[in-house]
Amino acid sequence: MRLKVFLLIIAVLITACSGGKKQEQAANQVKPTDVEVTKIVLSDIDDYYTVPGTVEAWDDITVPSETSGPVTWIGKEEGSFIEKGEPILKINTDNLQANLNSAKVQLEDDRKEYLRQKNLYAQKSVSQKQYDTAKKTYDLSTVSYQLALDEFNKSTIKSPVTGIIDDVIPNVGEYVSPGTEVARLIDMSKLKIYVNIPENDVRYLQLGQEVDVYVAEIGGDKNIKKGIINYISVVSDPQTLTHKVRVDVEMDKDIRPGRIVRVDIVRQSFKNVMVVDMYAVIDKDGQKIVYVNKNNVAEERPVITGEMVGSKVIIISGLEPGEELITSGQQFLTNGSLLRLGE
């Protein structure tokens, strides 16, 4: 009987030892999870959004004639670039030229008489009245000459702006009168782009704010221009619930009216913050957690998140700069999981 009990005890001990070895072997056979990590650093990030817009000329200007006569000369053709003050066309005004010549002769005669009377008056050889009459005559001649010169100058119609000649209306030899439209110009001294901004985003905009205007394909960096917000509508469109915003751009050879561009507008700028990929943050039992690498072992860490910026999220607390955040393979982890870092 005692022998049977002894043998039973030996059997139990052998079984226990065998089970322990199996558990130990099973533990040794647990494979680490392949993960990738990113070191946490403090950085700056802009929260921005992109809206499309169409480039428009600053203004569409019609130029009238201020005098009458036949057109004798037309400068540049339609579609040509023209500088402010550059001639568009000329009108034959022989009568104005004659009036100008006559006014010039009269001015010179009256100037000489005035100077003579002035000299005599200084010598007390003429009366005050004679001197005053000569001065008044000279002053009137000066005004008459200036008026004649102004009228003559109107025979050359010049561009009031820098831009594009969209149309020259009369032909050479055609008679025009004061008020007749002779040219249409597109003011290119500046350009404007209208974009529609959602109501929720208008609060981030300010007059004078600088924005990026992309005039090339999406992602092209070499054709980024700078624009300035100079108008924000007060009332939103009742149908689209957007506000009309005007972005002004300096004249540029790469931008023409009618071209479709995209405008990047910054909502907010965040400085010196911890920013991580949003997919590194996991929702677990109503709490947001991440996993960090601690000597090739996963450590579960609850975090408090802030603003979303595209596919990134700002971490307010729960992480420290320098820690290694697991950014790939985290969905397969639990606290204490063994890790194998990717190359």
Foldseek 3Di string as FASTA:
>chain_A
DVVVVVVVVVVVVVVVVVVVVVVVVVVVPADFFEFAWDFWFWFKDFFKDKFKWFKAFPDKDWDWQAAKAFWAFADDAAFDWDAAFAFGTFGDDVVLVVQLVVLVVQLVVLVVLLVVLVVCVVVVNDDPVSNVVSVVSNVVSVVSNVVSVVVNVSRTDGHRAGFGWRHAPDDGGDIHHGPHGGTMTGHQQKMKIKTWAAPVQVVQDDFQDKKWKAQDPPPDDVRIFIWTWHDWDPDADPVVNTIITMTMGGRDPSHDGGGMIMIMDTRDMDGGFTKDFLQQWDQDPNFIWHWWDDPQWTAIWTWDWDDDRPRMTTTPDGDDGRTITTDPRRVVDDGGGGYDYDD
